[in-house]
Protein backbone atom coordinates (compact mmCIF):
# COMPACT_ATOMS: atom_id res chain seq x y z
CA MET A 1 -0.34 -0.07 -0.04
CA ASN A 2 1.50 3.74 -0.76
CA LEU A 3 1.51 6.30 1.43
CA PHE A 4 -1.35 8.59 -0.32
CA ALA A 5 -3.73 5.47 0.15
CA ALA A 6 -3.05 5.01 3.69
CA PHE A 7 -3.50 8.65 4.29
CA VAL A 8 -6.72 8.74 2.61
CA PHE A 9 -8.01 5.61 4.45
CA ALA A 10 -6.90 7.44 7.75
CA LEU A 11 -8.96 10.62 6.81
CA ALA A 12 -11.93 8.72 5.77
CA ALA A 13 -11.72 6.44 9.05
CA ALA A 14 -11.39 9.64 11.01
CA ALA A 15 -14.47 11.65 9.42
CA SER A 16 -16.48 8.40 10.08
CA LEU A 17 -15.37 8.51 13.86
CA ALA A 18 -16.35 12.15 14.06
CA ARG A 19 -19.80 11.50 12.61
CA ALA A 20 -20.32 8.39 15.04
CA ASP A 21 -19.11 11.01 17.95
CA ASP A 22 -21.64 13.73 16.78
CA GLU A 23 -24.60 10.77 16.62
CA GLY A 24 -23.41 9.60 19.97
CA LYS A 25 -23.60 12.86 21.65
CA LYS A 26 -27.10 13.79 19.74
CA ALA A 27 -28.27 10.41 21.26
CA ALA A 28 -26.93 11.09 24.99
CA ASP A 29 -28.53 14.47 25.00
CA ALA A 30 -32.03 12.83 24.47
CA PHE A 31 -31.23 10.35 27.47
CA GLN A 32 -30.45 13.50 29.79
CA GLY A 33 -33.23 13.99 32.76
CA GLU A 34 -34.87 11.94 35.24
CA TRP A 35 -36.68 8.56 34.10
CA LYS A 36 -39.28 6.98 36.30
CA VAL A 37 -39.17 3.00 35.72
CA LEU A 38 -41.90 1.30 33.94
CA GLN A 39 -40.77 -2.21 33.76
CA PHE A 40 -37.77 -4.01 35.26
CA THR A 41 -37.04 -7.67 34.24
CA LYS A 42 -34.26 -9.85 35.26
CA LEU A 43 -34.02 -13.68 34.31
CA GLY A 44 -37.23 -13.57 32.91
CA ARG A 45 -39.14 -12.31 36.12
CA ASP A 46 -40.82 -8.86 36.42
CA ASN A 47 -39.62 -6.93 39.55
CA PRO A 48 -42.61 -4.80 40.87
CA GLU A 49 -40.70 -3.59 43.71
CA VAL A 50 -37.86 -1.66 41.80
CA VAL A 51 -40.82 -0.62 39.62
CA LYS A 52 -42.31 1.19 42.71
CA GLN A 53 -38.78 2.35 43.91
CA GLY A 54 -36.64 2.50 41.03
CA LYS A 55 -35.59 5.78 39.10
CA VAL A 56 -32.94 6.60 36.68
CA VAL A 57 -31.01 9.82 36.57
CA ILE A 58 -28.85 10.51 33.59
CA ALA A 59 -26.53 13.77 33.55
CA GLY A 60 -23.91 14.05 31.53
CA GLU A 61 -22.53 10.72 30.51
CA LYS A 62 -23.35 9.33 34.02
CA LEU A 63 -26.81 6.86 34.71
CA THR A 64 -27.37 6.58 38.10
CA PHE A 65 -29.73 3.85 38.70
CA THR A 66 -31.59 3.78 42.27
CA ALA A 67 -34.13 1.35 43.71
CA ASP A 68 -32.92 -0.47 47.07
CA GLU A 69 -29.46 1.09 46.53
CA GLU A 70 -27.85 3.53 44.03
CA ASN A 71 -25.55 2.46 41.30
CA VAL A 72 -24.00 4.73 39.52
CA LEU A 73 -22.57 3.50 35.75
CA VAL A 74 -20.78 5.66 33.04
CA PHE A 75 -22.29 4.89 29.82
CA THR A 76 -21.33 5.33 26.10
CA LEU A 77 -23.84 5.10 23.07
CA ASP A 78 -23.28 3.80 19.55
CA PRO A 79 -26.64 4.91 17.87
CA ALA A 80 -25.43 3.77 14.49
CA ALA A 81 -24.96 -0.07 15.60
CA SER A 82 -27.96 -2.17 14.67
CA PRO A 83 -29.57 -2.36 16.89
CA PRO A 84 -28.44 0.97 18.74
CA ALA A 85 -25.75 -0.15 21.48
CA ILE A 86 -25.26 1.00 24.85
CA ASP A 87 -22.24 0.35 26.80
CA LEU A 88 -22.18 0.61 30.86
CA LYS A 89 -19.34 0.66 33.27
CA ARG A 90 -18.86 1.29 36.79
CA PRO A 91 -16.74 4.46 37.43
CA ASP A 92 -13.75 2.39 38.78
CA GLY A 93 -13.87 0.35 34.99
CA LYS A 94 -13.70 -2.89 36.84
CA GLN A 95 -16.89 -3.95 35.07
CA LEU A 96 -18.36 -3.54 31.53
CA ILE A 97 -21.97 -4.18 30.82
CA LEU A 98 -22.92 -4.32 26.90
CA GLY A 99 -26.39 -3.63 26.12
CA ILE A 100 -28.88 -2.37 23.37
CA TYR A 101 -31.24 0.55 23.62
CA LYS A 102 -34.33 2.01 22.00
CA LEU A 103 -35.63 5.41 22.54
CA GLU A 104 -39.16 6.26 21.10
CA LYS A 105 -40.41 10.02 22.02
CA ASP A 106 -40.42 9.81 26.31
CA LYS A 107 -39.87 6.36 26.45
CA LEU A 108 -36.49 5.03 26.87
CA THR A 109 -35.78 0.64 26.85
CA ILE A 110 -32.54 -0.39 27.95
CA CYS A 111 -31.83 -4.42 27.87
CA PHE A 112 -28.44 -5.78 28.90
């Protein structure tokens, strides 16, 4: 591969990443605010206690899920993925949770 071809490829890849970052930022902006938990299912079972107590607050890149305890996670979005992807991790970086999401008007669904 000659140098010119490598340079053009690098520019195309950088432009693609910039567009993905912009899309991710737009999607993250739509996530901001406080969300009421309408349904919580774990291992195929609904959990009405989490629905009663639960809330999700998204500020910046932090997602705070509160039910019986508070869990703070840092998230990144990939809205160009099919389905759109969300990566959640603890602030200390020790655990990565891969998931998908769907945002329809005022309803946010996250599965992981």
